[in-house]
Amino acid sequence: MRFLIPLILITAACSSPPSRPAANDQPAPATATSGRTEEAGTVAEQSPTPKDEAPAGKDDFEGTTGIIDRKKTIKDAAVLKAIRTGRHEGFDRIVFEFLGDEIPGYHLEYIDKPVRSCGSGDVVPLAGDGWLQVRFEPARAHTDEGKPTLGSRELVPKLPNLLELKSTCDFEGQVEWVAGVGSPNGYRVLELAKPARFVVDIKHKQADTRHS
């Protein structure tokens, strides 16, 4: 059994820095993957949540609705091998898992419709009232022979806020996915090691407690 490894938390916001909750890390089980072959447009099967991806408390993070951007220099383009989604108390989680030990640079921001494919420029239909773009660079989601490393380019988890997730780019060292959410609420990002994983937590819709 491997020992717990400290979690590396990377957050950035346009206004004030988010809080830094503590969490633990250990390798994800080989069975916990949403990279299995799926028919496009079907509801993604929910995988068990590995201990290393369990939340550190509830939605007790400030998060941001602005831009998070971090550039990195790594040995080679990181290969995206799996994507998982899950519901937690107060937020929905997306996990991007990469081969090897390195997480590429990343850029996240809420974008306006229409969402477009980076190669063709075609409009990509996506559910929700908000669209969180997650771009990795240098990265790829295909083998040296050009075969996809993921079984599906679309997930429809239908979680409380995360409704849909689609690939919009795997071209010239860039990998991009866009999350369709019911409401463009605050989000945070985390980096996890062994294996290399990039986590995006998006807060659920906040209940309106005002009285009429």
N, C-alpha and C. Protein backbone atom coordinates (compact mmCIF):
# COMPACT_ATOMS: atom_id res chain seq x y z
N MET A 1 0.86 -1.20 0.00
CA MET A 1 0.00 0.00 0.00
C MET A 1 0.89 1.24 0.00
N ARG A 2 0.53 2.27 -0.83
CA ARG A 2 1.33 3.48 -0.88
C ARG A 2 0.96 4.44 0.23
N PHE A 3 1.94 5.27 0.60
CA PHE A 3 1.68 6.23 1.65
C PHE A 3 0.99 7.44 1.07
N LEU A 4 0.28 8.17 1.91
CA LEU A 4 -0.41 9.37 1.48
C LEU A 4 0.60 10.42 1.06
N ILE A 5 0.32 11.10 -0.02
CA ILE A 5 1.21 12.12 -0.56
C ILE A 5 0.52 13.46 -0.46
N PRO A 6 1.19 14.52 -0.07
CA PRO A 6 0.53 15.82 0.09
C PRO A 6 -0.07 16.29 -1.20
N LEU A 7 -1.20 16.93 -1.11
CA LEU A 7 -1.90 17.49 -2.26
C LEU A 7 -1.31 18.85 -2.60
N ILE A 8 -1.10 19.09 -3.90
CA ILE A 8 -0.64 20.39 -4.34
C ILE A 8 -1.84 21.16 -4.82
N LEU A 9 -2.12 22.27 -4.24
CA LEU A 9 -3.30 23.06 -4.58
C LEU A 9 -2.87 24.29 -5.34
N ILE A 10 -3.43 24.45 -6.55
CA ILE A 10 -3.12 25.62 -7.34
C ILE A 10 -4.42 26.38 -7.58
N THR A 11 -4.52 27.60 -7.11
CA THR A 11 -5.72 28.38 -7.37
C THR A 11 -5.31 29.78 -7.76
N ALA A 12 -6.19 30.43 -8.53
CA ALA A 12 -5.95 31.81 -8.90
C ALA A 12 -7.28 32.46 -9.14
N ALA A 13 -7.41 33.74 -8.87
CA ALA A 13 -8.67 34.41 -9.08
C ALA A 13 -8.42 35.82 -9.55
N CYS A 14 -9.47 36.41 -10.15
CA CYS A 14 -9.33 37.78 -10.61
C CYS A 14 -9.40 38.75 -9.45
N SER A 15 -10.06 38.38 -8.37
CA SER A 15 -10.23 39.30 -7.25
C SER A 15 -9.32 38.92 -6.10
N SER A 16 -9.80 38.11 -5.20
CA SER A 16 -9.04 37.72 -4.02
C SER A 16 -8.71 36.25 -4.07
N PRO A 17 -7.55 35.84 -3.49
CA PRO A 17 -7.15 34.43 -3.54
C PRO A 17 -8.12 33.54 -2.80
N PRO A 18 -8.44 32.36 -3.37
CA PRO A 18 -9.33 31.43 -2.68
C PRO A 18 -8.66 30.76 -1.50
N SER A 19 -9.47 30.19 -0.64
CA SER A 19 -8.93 29.46 0.50
C SER A 19 -8.29 28.18 0.04
N ARG A 20 -7.46 27.55 0.86
CA ARG A 20 -6.70 26.38 0.50
C ARG A 20 -7.04 25.22 1.42
N PRO A 21 -8.07 24.45 1.11
CA PRO A 21 -8.41 23.31 1.97
C PRO A 21 -7.39 22.21 1.84
N ALA A 22 -7.14 21.49 2.93
CA ALA A 22 -6.19 20.39 2.90
C ALA A 22 -6.88 19.13 2.41
N ALA A 23 -6.12 18.27 1.74
CA ALA A 23 -6.67 17.00 1.27
C ALA A 23 -5.53 16.01 1.15
N ASN A 24 -5.87 14.75 0.93
CA ASN A 24 -4.86 13.71 0.81
C ASN A 24 -4.85 13.15 -0.59
N ASP A 25 -3.76 12.43 -0.93
CA ASP A 25 -3.60 11.92 -2.28
C ASP A 25 -3.00 10.53 -2.25
N GLN A 26 -3.54 9.66 -3.09
CA GLN A 26 -2.91 8.38 -3.36
C GLN A 26 -3.38 7.95 -4.74
N PRO A 27 -2.68 7.01 -5.41
CA PRO A 27 -3.03 6.69 -6.79
C PRO A 27 -4.47 6.21 -6.95
N ALA A 28 -5.09 6.61 -8.05
CA ALA A 28 -6.46 6.20 -8.33
C ALA A 28 -6.50 4.76 -8.76
N PRO A 29 -7.53 4.01 -8.37
CA PRO A 29 -7.66 2.63 -8.82
C PRO A 29 -7.78 2.57 -10.33
N ALA A 30 -7.25 1.49 -10.92
CA ALA A 30 -7.26 1.36 -12.37
C ALA A 30 -8.67 1.28 -12.92
N THR A 31 -9.63 0.87 -12.09
CA THR A 31 -11.00 0.73 -12.56
C THR A 31 -11.75 2.06 -12.55
N ALA A 32 -11.21 3.06 -11.90
CA ALA A 32 -11.92 4.33 -11.78
C ALA A 32 -11.60 5.21 -12.97
N THR A 33 -12.28 5.03 -14.08
CA THR A 33 -12.03 5.82 -15.28
C THR A 33 -13.30 5.99 -16.07
N SER A 34 -13.44 7.17 -16.64
CA SER A 34 -14.55 7.42 -17.55
C SER A 34 -14.04 7.41 -18.98
N GLY A 35 -12.84 6.90 -19.20
CA GLY A 35 -12.27 6.85 -20.53
C GLY A 35 -12.70 5.62 -21.30
N ARG A 36 -13.65 4.85 -20.79
CA ARG A 36 -14.13 3.65 -21.47
C ARG A 36 -14.92 4.04 -22.70
N THR A 37 -15.06 3.12 -23.63
CA THR A 37 -15.80 3.40 -24.84
C THR A 37 -17.27 3.63 -24.53
N GLU A 38 -17.80 4.74 -25.04
CA GLU A 38 -19.19 5.08 -24.81
C GLU A 38 -19.79 5.63 -26.10
N GLU A 39 -21.08 5.47 -26.28
CA GLU A 39 -21.76 6.07 -27.42
C GLU A 39 -21.91 7.57 -27.16
N ALA A 40 -21.58 8.38 -28.17
CA ALA A 40 -21.72 9.82 -28.03
C ALA A 40 -23.16 10.18 -27.72
N GLY A 41 -23.32 11.09 -26.76
CA GLY A 41 -24.64 11.55 -26.41
C GLY A 41 -25.31 10.74 -25.31
N THR A 42 -24.71 9.64 -24.88
CA THR A 42 -25.29 8.86 -23.80
C THR A 42 -24.84 9.41 -22.46
N VAL A 43 -25.55 9.03 -21.42
CA VAL A 43 -25.18 9.48 -20.08
C VAL A 43 -23.92 8.75 -19.63
N ALA A 44 -22.94 9.51 -19.17
CA ALA A 44 -21.68 8.91 -18.74
C ALA A 44 -21.88 8.10 -17.49
N GLU A 45 -21.33 6.90 -17.44
CA GLU A 45 -21.40 6.07 -16.25
C GLU A 45 -20.55 6.67 -15.16
N GLN A 46 -21.08 6.78 -13.97
CA GLN A 46 -20.35 7.38 -12.87
C GLN A 46 -19.44 6.35 -12.20
N SER A 47 -18.17 6.70 -12.09
CA SER A 47 -17.19 5.80 -11.49
C SER A 47 -17.12 6.04 -9.99
N PRO A 48 -16.68 5.02 -9.21
CA PRO A 48 -16.46 5.24 -7.78
C PRO A 48 -15.44 6.34 -7.57
N THR A 49 -15.62 7.14 -6.54
CA THR A 49 -14.69 8.23 -6.27
C THR A 49 -13.49 7.71 -5.50
N PRO A 50 -12.27 7.77 -6.10
CA PRO A 50 -11.07 7.35 -5.37
C PRO A 50 -10.85 8.22 -4.13
N LYS A 51 -10.18 7.65 -3.14
CA LYS A 51 -9.93 8.39 -1.91
C LYS A 51 -9.15 9.67 -2.18
N ASP A 52 -8.24 9.61 -3.16
CA ASP A 52 -7.41 10.79 -3.43
C ASP A 52 -8.22 11.92 -4.05
N GLU A 53 -9.43 11.62 -4.51
CA GLU A 53 -10.25 12.65 -5.12
C GLU A 53 -11.43 13.02 -4.23
N ALA A 54 -11.43 12.53 -3.00
CA ALA A 54 -12.50 12.88 -2.07
C ALA A 54 -12.35 14.33 -1.65
N PRO A 55 -13.45 15.03 -1.41
CA PRO A 55 -13.37 16.44 -1.06
C PRO A 55 -12.83 16.67 0.34
N ALA A 56 -12.14 17.79 0.52
CA ALA A 56 -11.68 18.19 1.85
C ALA A 56 -12.74 19.11 2.43
N GLY A 57 -13.81 18.54 2.95
CA GLY A 57 -14.90 19.34 3.44
C GLY A 57 -15.93 19.58 2.35
N LYS A 58 -16.83 20.54 2.58
CA LYS A 58 -17.89 20.84 1.63
C LYS A 58 -17.39 21.89 0.64
N ASP A 59 -18.31 22.72 0.16
CA ASP A 59 -17.92 23.76 -0.79
C ASP A 59 -17.35 24.97 -0.03
N ASP A 60 -16.43 24.69 0.89
CA ASP A 60 -15.86 25.75 1.72
C ASP A 60 -14.64 26.36 1.05
N PHE A 61 -14.74 26.62 -0.25
CA PHE A 61 -13.68 27.30 -0.96
C PHE A 61 -14.28 28.52 -1.65
N GLU A 62 -13.49 29.57 -1.73
CA GLU A 62 -13.99 30.81 -2.31
C GLU A 62 -14.15 30.67 -3.82
N GLY A 63 -13.14 30.11 -4.46
CA GLY A 63 -13.21 29.94 -5.91
C GLY A 63 -13.18 31.24 -6.66
N THR A 64 -13.40 31.16 -7.97
CA THR A 64 -13.40 32.34 -8.83
C THR A 64 -14.34 32.10 -9.99
N THR A 65 -14.85 33.16 -10.56
CA THR A 65 -15.58 33.08 -11.82
C THR A 65 -14.75 33.73 -12.92
N GLY A 66 -13.52 34.10 -12.58
CA GLY A 66 -12.62 34.73 -13.53
C GLY A 66 -11.74 33.72 -14.25
N ILE A 67 -10.58 34.17 -14.66
CA ILE A 67 -9.66 33.37 -15.45
C ILE A 67 -8.57 32.79 -14.55
N ILE A 68 -8.26 31.51 -14.76
CA ILE A 68 -7.10 30.88 -14.15
C ILE A 68 -6.15 30.49 -15.27
N ASP A 69 -4.92 30.91 -15.18
CA ASP A 69 -3.96 30.64 -16.25
C ASP A 69 -2.59 30.31 -15.65
N ARG A 70 -2.01 29.20 -16.09
CA ARG A 70 -0.67 28.84 -15.65
C ARG A 70 0.09 28.20 -16.81
N LYS A 71 1.18 28.80 -17.18
CA LYS A 71 2.02 28.25 -18.25
C LYS A 71 3.09 27.37 -17.63
N LYS A 72 3.45 26.27 -18.34
CA LYS A 72 4.46 25.35 -17.86
C LYS A 72 5.37 24.90 -18.99
N THR A 73 6.60 24.57 -18.63
CA THR A 73 7.52 23.93 -19.56
C THR A 73 7.74 22.51 -19.08
N ILE A 74 7.32 21.52 -19.89
CA ILE A 74 7.48 20.12 -19.52
C ILE A 74 8.25 19.40 -20.62
N LYS A 75 8.69 18.17 -20.35
CA LYS A 75 9.55 17.44 -21.27
C LYS A 75 8.90 17.18 -22.61
N ASP A 76 7.64 16.78 -22.60
CA ASP A 76 6.91 16.46 -23.81
C ASP A 76 5.44 16.76 -23.59
N ALA A 77 4.67 16.78 -24.66
CA ALA A 77 3.23 17.02 -24.52
C ALA A 77 2.61 15.96 -23.62
N ALA A 78 1.86 16.40 -22.61
CA ALA A 78 1.20 15.48 -21.69
C ALA A 78 0.04 14.79 -22.42
N VAL A 79 -0.11 13.49 -22.17
CA VAL A 79 -1.13 12.71 -22.85
C VAL A 79 -2.32 12.52 -21.90
N LEU A 80 -3.48 13.02 -22.30
CA LEU A 80 -4.70 12.86 -21.51
C LEU A 80 -5.22 11.44 -21.69
N LYS A 81 -5.38 10.70 -20.59
CA LYS A 81 -5.76 9.29 -20.69
C LYS A 81 -7.14 8.98 -20.14
N ALA A 82 -7.70 9.85 -19.29
CA ALA A 82 -9.01 9.55 -18.70
C ALA A 82 -9.64 10.82 -18.16
N ILE A 83 -10.96 10.82 -18.12
CA ILE A 83 -11.73 11.91 -17.52
C ILE A 83 -12.80 11.30 -16.64
N ARG A 84 -12.93 11.83 -15.42
CA ARG A 84 -13.96 11.37 -14.50
C ARG A 84 -14.77 12.56 -14.01
N THR A 85 -16.02 12.31 -13.65
CA THR A 85 -16.85 13.35 -13.05
C THR A 85 -17.51 12.78 -11.81
N GLY A 86 -17.84 13.63 -10.88
CA GLY A 86 -18.49 13.15 -9.66
C GLY A 86 -19.18 14.28 -8.91
N ARG A 87 -20.16 13.91 -8.12
CA ARG A 87 -20.90 14.86 -7.30
C ARG A 87 -20.37 14.83 -5.88
N HIS A 88 -20.17 16.01 -5.30
CA HIS A 88 -19.77 16.14 -3.91
C HIS A 88 -20.71 17.13 -3.22
N GLU A 89 -20.57 17.25 -1.93
CA GLU A 89 -21.47 18.13 -1.18
C GLU A 89 -21.17 19.59 -1.50
N GLY A 90 -22.02 20.19 -2.30
CA GLY A 90 -21.86 21.59 -2.62
C GLY A 90 -21.15 21.88 -3.93
N PHE A 91 -20.59 20.86 -4.58
CA PHE A 91 -19.90 21.12 -5.85
C PHE A 91 -19.81 19.85 -6.69
N ASP A 92 -19.59 20.04 -7.97
CA ASP A 92 -19.34 18.94 -8.90
C ASP A 92 -17.86 18.96 -9.28
N ARG A 93 -17.32 17.77 -9.55
CA ARG A 93 -15.88 17.63 -9.79
C ARG A 93 -15.61 17.00 -11.15
N ILE A 94 -14.60 17.53 -11.85
CA ILE A 94 -14.07 16.94 -13.08
C ILE A 94 -12.61 16.60 -12.81
N VAL A 95 -12.21 15.39 -13.18
CA VAL A 95 -10.82 14.95 -13.01
C VAL A 95 -10.25 14.59 -14.37
N PHE A 96 -9.17 15.27 -14.77
CA PHE A 96 -8.44 14.96 -15.99
C PHE A 96 -7.16 14.22 -15.59
N GLU A 97 -7.01 12.98 -16.05
CA GLU A 97 -5.83 12.20 -15.68
C GLU A 97 -4.89 12.08 -16.88
N PHE A 98 -3.57 12.28 -16.61
CA PHE A 98 -2.56 12.25 -17.65
C PHE A 98 -1.59 11.09 -17.44
N LEU A 99 -1.03 10.60 -18.53
CA LEU A 99 0.05 9.62 -18.43
C LEU A 99 1.28 10.29 -17.85
N GLY A 100 2.10 9.52 -17.15
CA GLY A 100 3.34 10.06 -16.60
C GLY A 100 3.12 10.89 -15.36
N ASP A 101 4.11 11.74 -15.07
CA ASP A 101 4.13 12.48 -13.80
C ASP A 101 3.87 13.97 -13.94
N GLU A 102 3.67 14.46 -15.17
CA GLU A 102 3.60 15.90 -15.36
C GLU A 102 2.21 16.35 -15.81
N ILE A 103 1.78 17.46 -15.25
CA ILE A 103 0.54 18.12 -15.67
C ILE A 103 0.94 19.30 -16.55
N PRO A 104 0.31 19.45 -17.71
CA PRO A 104 0.69 20.55 -18.61
C PRO A 104 0.20 21.89 -18.10
N GLY A 105 0.56 22.95 -18.80
CA GLY A 105 0.00 24.25 -18.50
C GLY A 105 -1.50 24.25 -18.76
N TYR A 106 -2.22 25.22 -18.15
CA TYR A 106 -3.66 25.23 -18.31
C TYR A 106 -4.21 26.64 -18.29
N HIS A 107 -5.37 26.77 -18.93
CA HIS A 107 -6.09 28.05 -18.99
C HIS A 107 -7.57 27.74 -18.85
N LEU A 108 -8.23 28.38 -17.89
CA LEU A 108 -9.66 28.16 -17.68
C LEU A 108 -10.38 29.50 -17.64
N GLU A 109 -11.54 29.55 -18.28
CA GLU A 109 -12.39 30.74 -18.20
C GLU A 109 -13.79 30.41 -18.70
N TYR A 110 -14.75 31.15 -18.17
CA TYR A 110 -16.11 31.07 -18.69
C TYR A 110 -16.17 31.83 -20.01
N ILE A 111 -16.73 31.18 -21.04
CA ILE A 111 -16.77 31.78 -22.36
C ILE A 111 -18.22 31.96 -22.79
N ASP A 112 -18.42 32.79 -23.81
CA ASP A 112 -19.74 33.00 -24.37
C ASP A 112 -20.01 32.00 -25.49
N LYS A 113 -21.27 31.72 -25.72
CA LYS A 113 -21.65 30.92 -26.87
C LYS A 113 -21.54 31.79 -28.13
N PRO A 114 -21.37 31.18 -29.33
CA PRO A 114 -21.32 29.73 -29.53
C PRO A 114 -19.96 29.14 -29.19
N VAL A 115 -19.98 27.93 -28.62
CA VAL A 115 -18.75 27.17 -28.40
C VAL A 115 -18.36 26.55 -29.73
N ARG A 116 -17.10 26.68 -30.12
CA ARG A 116 -16.66 26.20 -31.44
C ARG A 116 -15.49 25.23 -31.33
N SER A 117 -15.41 24.33 -32.31
CA SER A 117 -14.28 23.41 -32.43
C SER A 117 -13.06 24.19 -32.92
N CYS A 118 -11.89 23.92 -32.33
CA CYS A 118 -10.69 24.69 -32.68
C CYS A 118 -10.22 24.42 -34.11
N GLY A 119 -10.48 23.21 -34.62
CA GLY A 119 -9.99 22.87 -35.95
C GLY A 119 -10.89 23.37 -37.06
N SER A 120 -12.15 22.99 -37.03
CA SER A 120 -13.08 23.32 -38.10
C SER A 120 -13.79 24.65 -37.90
N GLY A 121 -13.89 25.09 -36.65
CA GLY A 121 -14.65 26.29 -36.36
C GLY A 121 -16.14 26.03 -36.27
N ASP A 122 -16.54 24.75 -36.38
CA ASP A 122 -17.95 24.41 -36.30
C ASP A 122 -18.48 24.64 -34.89
N VAL A 123 -19.75 25.01 -34.82
CA VAL A 123 -20.40 25.22 -33.53
C VAL A 123 -20.58 23.87 -32.83
N VAL A 124 -20.25 23.82 -31.55
CA VAL A 124 -20.41 22.61 -30.74
C VAL A 124 -21.58 22.83 -29.79
N PRO A 125 -22.72 22.17 -30.02
CA PRO A 125 -23.87 22.34 -29.12
C PRO A 125 -23.53 21.87 -27.72
N LEU A 126 -23.89 22.65 -26.72
CA LEU A 126 -23.55 22.32 -25.35
C LEU A 126 -24.64 22.82 -24.42
N ALA A 127 -25.07 21.97 -23.50
CA ALA A 127 -26.15 22.32 -22.57
C ALA A 127 -25.67 23.36 -21.57
N GLY A 128 -26.64 24.01 -20.92
CA GLY A 128 -26.33 24.88 -19.80
C GLY A 128 -26.51 26.36 -20.09
N ASP A 129 -26.33 27.15 -19.02
CA ASP A 129 -26.36 28.61 -19.10
C ASP A 129 -24.99 29.20 -18.85
N GLY A 130 -23.98 28.37 -18.74
CA GLY A 130 -22.60 28.80 -18.59
C GLY A 130 -21.70 27.74 -19.19
N TRP A 131 -20.50 28.18 -19.68
CA TRP A 131 -19.63 27.25 -20.40
C TRP A 131 -18.19 27.50 -19.97
N LEU A 132 -17.66 26.57 -19.18
CA LEU A 132 -16.31 26.71 -18.65
C LEU A 132 -15.32 26.00 -19.56
N GLN A 133 -14.47 26.76 -20.18
CA GLN A 133 -13.45 26.22 -21.09
C GLN A 133 -12.21 25.82 -20.28
N VAL A 134 -11.72 24.59 -20.53
CA VAL A 134 -10.52 24.09 -19.87
C VAL A 134 -9.54 23.69 -20.97
N ARG A 135 -8.44 24.42 -21.07
CA ARG A 135 -7.46 24.18 -22.14
C ARG A 135 -6.10 23.79 -21.54
N PHE A 136 -5.50 22.73 -22.08
CA PHE A 136 -4.18 22.27 -21.65
C PHE A 136 -3.17 22.46 -22.78
N GLU A 137 -1.94 22.83 -22.39
CA GLU A 137 -0.88 23.02 -23.38
C GLU A 137 0.50 22.99 -22.71
N PRO A 138 1.46 22.22 -23.21
CA PRO A 138 1.38 21.29 -24.33
C PRO A 138 0.73 19.97 -23.91
N ALA A 139 -0.20 19.51 -24.72
CA ALA A 139 -0.93 18.29 -24.39
C ALA A 139 -1.52 17.68 -25.66
N ARG A 140 -1.90 16.42 -25.56
CA ARG A 140 -2.60 15.75 -26.66
C ARG A 140 -3.48 14.65 -26.08
N ALA A 141 -4.48 14.25 -26.86
CA ALA A 141 -5.40 13.19 -26.46
C ALA A 141 -5.44 12.12 -27.55
N HIS A 142 -4.27 11.83 -28.11
CA HIS A 142 -4.14 10.80 -29.14
C HIS A 142 -2.74 10.19 -29.05
N THR A 143 -2.60 8.98 -29.60
CA THR A 143 -1.32 8.28 -29.60
C THR A 143 -0.44 8.80 -30.74
N ASP A 144 0.79 8.29 -30.79
CA ASP A 144 1.69 8.67 -31.88
C ASP A 144 1.11 8.26 -33.23
N GLU A 145 0.27 7.23 -33.24
CA GLU A 145 -0.35 6.75 -34.47
C GLU A 145 -1.64 7.51 -34.80
N GLY A 146 -2.02 8.46 -33.93
CA GLY A 146 -3.20 9.26 -34.19
C GLY A 146 -4.49 8.70 -33.64
N LYS A 147 -4.42 7.62 -32.85
CA LYS A 147 -5.63 7.04 -32.28
C LYS A 147 -6.00 7.76 -30.98
N PRO A 148 -7.30 8.01 -30.75
CA PRO A 148 -7.71 8.70 -29.52
C PRO A 148 -7.33 7.90 -28.28
N THR A 149 -6.93 8.61 -27.23
CA THR A 149 -6.61 7.95 -25.96
C THR A 149 -7.83 7.87 -25.05
N LEU A 150 -8.92 8.53 -25.44
CA LEU A 150 -10.16 8.48 -24.68
C LEU A 150 -11.22 7.76 -25.50
N GLY A 151 -12.10 7.05 -24.80
CA GLY A 151 -13.14 6.32 -25.48
C GLY A 151 -14.29 7.19 -25.94
N SER A 152 -14.40 8.40 -25.40
CA SER A 152 -15.52 9.28 -25.75
C SER A 152 -15.04 10.72 -25.75
N ARG A 153 -15.60 11.52 -26.64
CA ARG A 153 -15.30 12.95 -26.70
C ARG A 153 -16.44 13.76 -26.08
N GLU A 154 -17.36 13.06 -25.44
CA GLU A 154 -18.52 13.73 -24.85
C GLU A 154 -18.99 12.95 -23.62
N LEU A 155 -19.25 13.65 -22.53
CA LEU A 155 -19.82 13.06 -21.32
C LEU A 155 -21.06 13.86 -20.94
N VAL A 156 -22.08 13.17 -20.49
CA VAL A 156 -23.32 13.82 -20.06
C VAL A 156 -23.64 13.34 -18.65
N PRO A 157 -22.91 13.82 -17.65
CA PRO A 157 -23.11 13.32 -16.28
C PRO A 157 -24.40 13.79 -15.64
N LYS A 158 -24.95 14.95 -16.08
CA LYS A 158 -26.20 15.48 -15.53
C LYS A 158 -26.14 15.57 -14.01
N LEU A 159 -25.09 16.19 -13.52
CA LEU A 159 -24.94 16.44 -12.09
C LEU A 159 -25.70 17.72 -11.73
N PRO A 160 -25.74 18.08 -10.44
CA PRO A 160 -26.53 19.26 -10.05
C PRO A 160 -26.19 20.53 -10.84
N ASN A 161 -24.91 20.76 -11.14
CA ASN A 161 -24.54 21.93 -11.93
C ASN A 161 -23.83 21.54 -13.22
N LEU A 162 -23.00 20.51 -13.17
CA LEU A 162 -22.29 20.05 -14.36
C LEU A 162 -23.22 19.17 -15.21
N LEU A 163 -23.62 19.67 -16.36
CA LEU A 163 -24.61 18.99 -17.19
C LEU A 163 -23.97 18.20 -18.33
N GLU A 164 -22.92 18.75 -18.92
CA GLU A 164 -22.34 18.14 -20.11
C GLU A 164 -20.88 18.56 -20.23
N LEU A 165 -20.10 17.73 -20.91
CA LEU A 165 -18.67 17.98 -21.07
C LEU A 165 -18.27 17.48 -22.45
N LYS A 166 -17.70 18.37 -23.28
CA LYS A 166 -17.35 17.98 -24.65
C LYS A 166 -15.93 18.41 -25.00
N SER A 167 -15.27 17.58 -25.81
CA SER A 167 -13.96 17.91 -26.36
C SER A 167 -14.14 18.87 -27.53
N THR A 168 -13.38 19.96 -27.52
CA THR A 168 -13.46 20.93 -28.62
C THR A 168 -12.13 21.11 -29.33
N CYS A 169 -11.06 20.47 -28.81
CA CYS A 169 -9.76 20.63 -29.46
C CYS A 169 -8.79 19.54 -29.04
N ASP A 170 -8.07 19.00 -30.03
CA ASP A 170 -6.92 18.12 -29.82
C ASP A 170 -6.03 18.33 -31.03
N PHE A 171 -5.32 19.46 -31.04
CA PHE A 171 -4.68 19.92 -32.26
C PHE A 171 -3.48 20.79 -31.92
N GLU A 172 -2.34 20.47 -32.56
CA GLU A 172 -1.12 21.28 -32.45
C GLU A 172 -0.74 21.58 -31.00
N GLY A 173 -0.74 20.53 -30.18
CA GLY A 173 -0.27 20.68 -28.81
C GLY A 173 -1.28 21.25 -27.84
N GLN A 174 -2.53 21.39 -28.27
CA GLN A 174 -3.57 21.89 -27.38
C GLN A 174 -4.68 20.85 -27.23
N VAL A 175 -5.14 20.67 -25.99
CA VAL A 175 -6.31 19.85 -25.70
C VAL A 175 -7.29 20.74 -24.96
N GLU A 176 -8.52 20.74 -25.44
CA GLU A 176 -9.52 21.62 -24.83
C GLU A 176 -10.84 20.89 -24.66
N TRP A 177 -11.44 21.07 -23.48
CA TRP A 177 -12.77 20.58 -23.18
C TRP A 177 -13.58 21.75 -22.65
N VAL A 178 -14.88 21.72 -22.91
CA VAL A 178 -15.76 22.76 -22.38
C VAL A 178 -16.87 22.10 -21.57
N ALA A 179 -17.06 22.61 -20.37
CA ALA A 179 -18.10 22.09 -19.47
C ALA A 179 -19.32 22.98 -19.54
N GLY A 180 -20.46 22.38 -19.86
CA GLY A 180 -21.72 23.11 -19.83
C GLY A 180 -22.33 23.00 -18.44
N VAL A 181 -22.57 24.12 -17.80
CA VAL A 181 -23.09 24.12 -16.42
C VAL A 181 -24.42 24.86 -16.36
N GLY A 182 -25.22 24.50 -15.36
CA GLY A 182 -26.50 25.16 -15.19
C GLY A 182 -26.35 26.61 -14.78
N SER A 183 -25.26 26.91 -14.05
CA SER A 183 -25.01 28.28 -13.60
C SER A 183 -23.49 28.48 -13.51
N PRO A 184 -22.97 29.58 -14.05
CA PRO A 184 -21.52 29.82 -14.03
C PRO A 184 -21.02 30.24 -12.65
N ASN A 185 -21.04 29.31 -11.72
CA ASN A 185 -20.65 29.59 -10.34
C ASN A 185 -19.14 29.53 -10.17
N GLY A 186 -18.69 29.88 -8.97
CA GLY A 186 -17.27 29.85 -8.67
C GLY A 186 -16.67 28.46 -8.81
N TYR A 187 -15.41 28.41 -9.19
CA TYR A 187 -14.70 27.13 -9.36
C TYR A 187 -13.28 27.27 -8.83
N ARG A 188 -12.67 26.12 -8.57
CA ARG A 188 -11.27 26.08 -8.16
C ARG A 188 -10.59 24.97 -8.93
N VAL A 189 -9.25 24.97 -8.92
CA VAL A 189 -8.49 23.89 -9.55
C VAL A 189 -7.49 23.32 -8.55
N LEU A 190 -7.19 22.03 -8.71
CA LEU A 190 -6.23 21.32 -7.87
C LEU A 190 -5.32 20.50 -8.77
N GLU A 191 -4.07 20.33 -8.34
CA GLU A 191 -3.16 19.42 -9.01
C GLU A 191 -2.87 18.25 -8.07
N LEU A 192 -3.03 17.02 -8.56
CA LEU A 192 -2.76 15.82 -7.78
C LEU A 192 -1.67 15.01 -8.48
N ALA A 193 -0.84 14.33 -7.67
CA ALA A 193 0.31 13.60 -8.20
C ALA A 193 0.15 12.10 -8.04
N LYS A 194 0.87 11.37 -8.89
CA LYS A 194 1.02 9.91 -8.82
C LYS A 194 -0.31 9.18 -8.78
N PRO A 195 -1.05 9.11 -9.88
CA PRO A 195 -0.73 9.65 -11.20
C PRO A 195 -1.09 11.13 -11.31
N ALA A 196 -0.61 11.74 -12.39
CA ALA A 196 -0.85 13.17 -12.58
C ALA A 196 -2.30 13.42 -12.92
N ARG A 197 -2.97 14.23 -12.08
CA ARG A 197 -4.37 14.56 -12.31
C ARG A 197 -4.61 16.05 -12.08
N PHE A 198 -5.49 16.59 -12.91
CA PHE A 198 -5.90 17.98 -12.79
C PHE A 198 -7.39 17.99 -12.46
N VAL A 199 -7.75 18.67 -11.38
CA VAL A 199 -9.11 18.64 -10.86
C VAL A 199 -9.75 20.01 -10.98
N VAL A 200 -11.00 20.02 -11.42
CA VAL A 200 -11.80 21.24 -11.46
C VAL A 200 -13.06 21.02 -10.62
N ASP A 201 -13.26 21.84 -9.61
CA ASP A 201 -14.45 21.79 -8.77
C ASP A 201 -15.33 23.00 -9.08
N ILE A 202 -16.59 22.76 -9.40
CA ILE A 202 -17.53 23.83 -9.73
C ILE A 202 -18.68 23.81 -8.73
N LYS A 203 -18.92 24.93 -8.09
CA LYS A 203 -19.96 24.99 -7.06
C LYS A 203 -21.35 24.76 -7.65
N HIS A 204 -22.22 24.17 -6.81
CA HIS A 204 -23.60 23.98 -7.20
C HIS A 204 -24.33 25.32 -7.23
N LYS A 205 -25.51 25.30 -7.80
CA LYS A 205 -26.36 26.49 -7.75
C LYS A 205 -26.67 26.82 -6.30
N GLN A 206 -26.66 28.10 -6.01
CA GLN A 206 -26.97 28.53 -4.65
C GLN A 206 -28.48 28.77 -4.53
N ALA A 207 -29.09 28.20 -3.48
CA ALA A 207 -30.53 28.38 -3.29
C ALA A 207 -30.85 29.83 -2.96
N ASP A 208 -31.94 30.30 -3.49
CA ASP A 208 -32.40 31.66 -3.22
C ASP A 208 -33.20 31.65 -1.92
N THR A 209 -32.62 32.27 -0.89
CA THR A 209 -33.26 32.23 0.43
C THR A 209 -34.09 33.49 0.71
N ARG A 210 -34.22 34.35 -0.30
CA ARG A 210 -34.99 35.58 -0.09
C ARG A 210 -36.49 35.28 0.03
N HIS A 211 -37.16 36.02 0.87
CA HIS A 211 -38.61 35.85 1.05
C HIS A 211 -39.35 36.83 0.16
N SER A 212 -40.46 36.38 -0.38
CA SER A 212 -41.26 37.28 -1.24
C SER A 212 -42.04 38.27 -0.36
